[in-house]
Each structure stands twice: as structure tokens, then as C-alpha cells.
Protein backbone atom coordinates (compact mmCIF):
# COMPACT_ATOMS: atom_id res chain seq x y z
CA MET A 1 42.23 316.70 148.01
CA ASP A 2 39.93 314.07 146.29
CA THR A 3 36.31 314.14 147.06
CA TRP A 4 33.48 311.80 146.11
CA THR A 5 29.71 312.13 145.92
CA TRP A 6 26.94 309.38 146.16
CA GLY A 7 24.86 308.49 143.25
CA GLY A 8 24.91 309.29 139.57
CA ARG A 9 26.55 307.24 136.81
CA ILE A 10 30.16 306.95 137.78
CA PHE A 11 31.00 303.55 136.61
CA ALA A 12 32.13 302.41 133.15
CA ASP A 13 29.06 301.21 131.17
CA GLU A 14 31.19 298.55 129.45
CA LEU A 15 32.27 297.05 132.77
CA VAL A 16 28.76 297.17 134.34
CA GLU A 17 27.56 295.35 131.15
CA ALA A 18 30.51 292.86 131.37
CA VAL A 19 29.57 292.17 135.04
CA ARG A 20 25.99 291.68 134.19
CA ALA A 21 26.66 289.48 131.15
CA ALA A 22 29.05 287.36 133.14
CA SER A 23 26.49 286.86 135.97
CA LEU A 24 23.67 285.80 133.62
CA ARG A 25 26.00 283.43 131.63
CA ARG A 26 26.65 281.65 134.95
CA GLY A 27 22.88 281.71 135.80
CA TYR A 28 23.27 284.20 138.76
CA ARG A 29 20.67 286.92 139.36
CA THR A 30 21.57 290.52 138.85
CA ALA A 31 20.37 293.89 140.14
CA ASP A 32 21.72 297.24 139.46
CA ILE A 33 22.08 299.11 142.84
CA LEU A 34 23.44 302.39 144.02
CA SER A 35 25.67 301.96 147.07
CA GLN A 36 26.06 304.60 149.77
CA ALA A 37 29.07 303.04 151.02
CA GLY A 38 32.40 304.91 150.40
CA HIS A 39 34.10 302.11 148.48
CA ASP A 40 37.43 302.59 146.81
CA ALA A 41 35.75 302.15 143.64
CA TYR A 42 34.23 305.64 143.79
CA MET A 43 37.71 307.11 143.97
CA ILE A 44 39.24 304.81 141.30
CA ALA A 45 36.32 305.58 138.89
CA GLY A 46 37.59 309.01 138.27
CA HIS A 47 41.01 307.64 137.15
CA ALA A 48 40.20 304.34 135.55
CA PRO A 49 37.12 302.25 134.16
CA THR A 50 35.48 300.70 137.22
CA ALA A 51 32.55 298.63 138.29
CA MET A 52 31.49 296.96 141.56
CA ILE A 53 30.36 293.36 142.16
CA PHE A 54 28.23 292.75 145.38
CA ALA A 55 27.93 289.38 147.09
CA PRO A 56 24.86 289.13 149.45
CA CYS A 57 25.58 288.81 153.12
CA GLN A 58 23.76 286.34 155.28
CA GLY A 59 20.58 287.94 156.68
CA GLY A 60 21.21 291.07 154.45
CA VAL A 61 23.51 292.48 157.17
CA THR A 62 26.47 294.44 155.60
CA HIS A 63 29.01 297.05 156.76
CA ASN A 64 28.43 295.92 160.22
CA ASN A 65 30.47 293.86 162.75
CA LEU A 66 27.63 291.17 162.46
CA GLU A 67 28.29 290.89 158.64
CA LEU A 68 28.86 287.18 157.53
CA CYS A 69 29.71 285.85 154.11
CA THR A 70 30.62 282.27 153.69
CA ARG A 71 32.73 280.79 150.83
CA ASP A 72 29.44 279.79 149.25
CA ASP A 73 28.20 283.34 149.40
CA LEU A 74 31.31 284.78 147.89
CA GLU A 75 31.91 282.26 145.17
CA PRO A 76 29.44 283.62 142.62
CA GLY A 77 30.97 287.05 142.89
CA LEU A 78 34.53 285.81 142.66
CA ASN A 79 33.57 283.82 139.62
CA VAL A 80 32.03 286.91 137.87
CA LEU A 81 35.24 288.90 138.62
CA MET A 82 37.37 286.19 137.22
CA ASP A 83 35.27 286.02 133.96
CA VAL A 84 35.32 289.79 133.52
CA VAL A 85 39.06 290.06 134.20
CA VAL A 86 39.80 287.37 131.73
CA GLY A 87 37.38 288.71 129.16
CA ARG A 88 39.12 292.07 129.37
CA ALA A 89 42.61 290.49 129.20
CA ASN A 90 41.64 288.67 126.12
CA ARG A 91 40.18 291.56 124.11
């Protein structure tokens, strides 16, 4: 059985830096955060290089039935994801 724990440095430094760099190139703000949510990325990180990109939800409400993200909220995160994927594919 696979298990995961919260905290620590489980994500690939090169991917975290790629996400940060792509965000800054596009003029987006960045913040390194530790998530307590059991995202799939926690399980995948033990098998493949992984990072997470978070998009802010309206009112800061997340992991809740009242969570709301519009296209405008999600677009920056999707742009960063695209930039990082293309960058990795072209290396």
C-alpha cells in the first residue's frame, strides 16, 4: 500500500524552479506554499518528477462546495503549465 505524508521537500527542484520562472516571465506573482490537501501529485512525486501549480479561488475558498474559479482565475495557471510542459519537451 502506498502512503504519503504532509510537508517536506517532495517536489522536483527543477520543476518548482521552472514553474516559478514561467510565472515571473508572464508577470504573475508567486508564492511557495505547503499544501495539506492529498493531491495526486504527492503520490506521483515518489515515481516521477512533480510540482504543483495553484490558481487562487474566489474569496480564498478552496476544497469546499463553495469553491469558485472562473476562466480568468484559471488562465494564468494554465499558461504556466503550458510554458513548463513546452519547455521540458524542448530541452
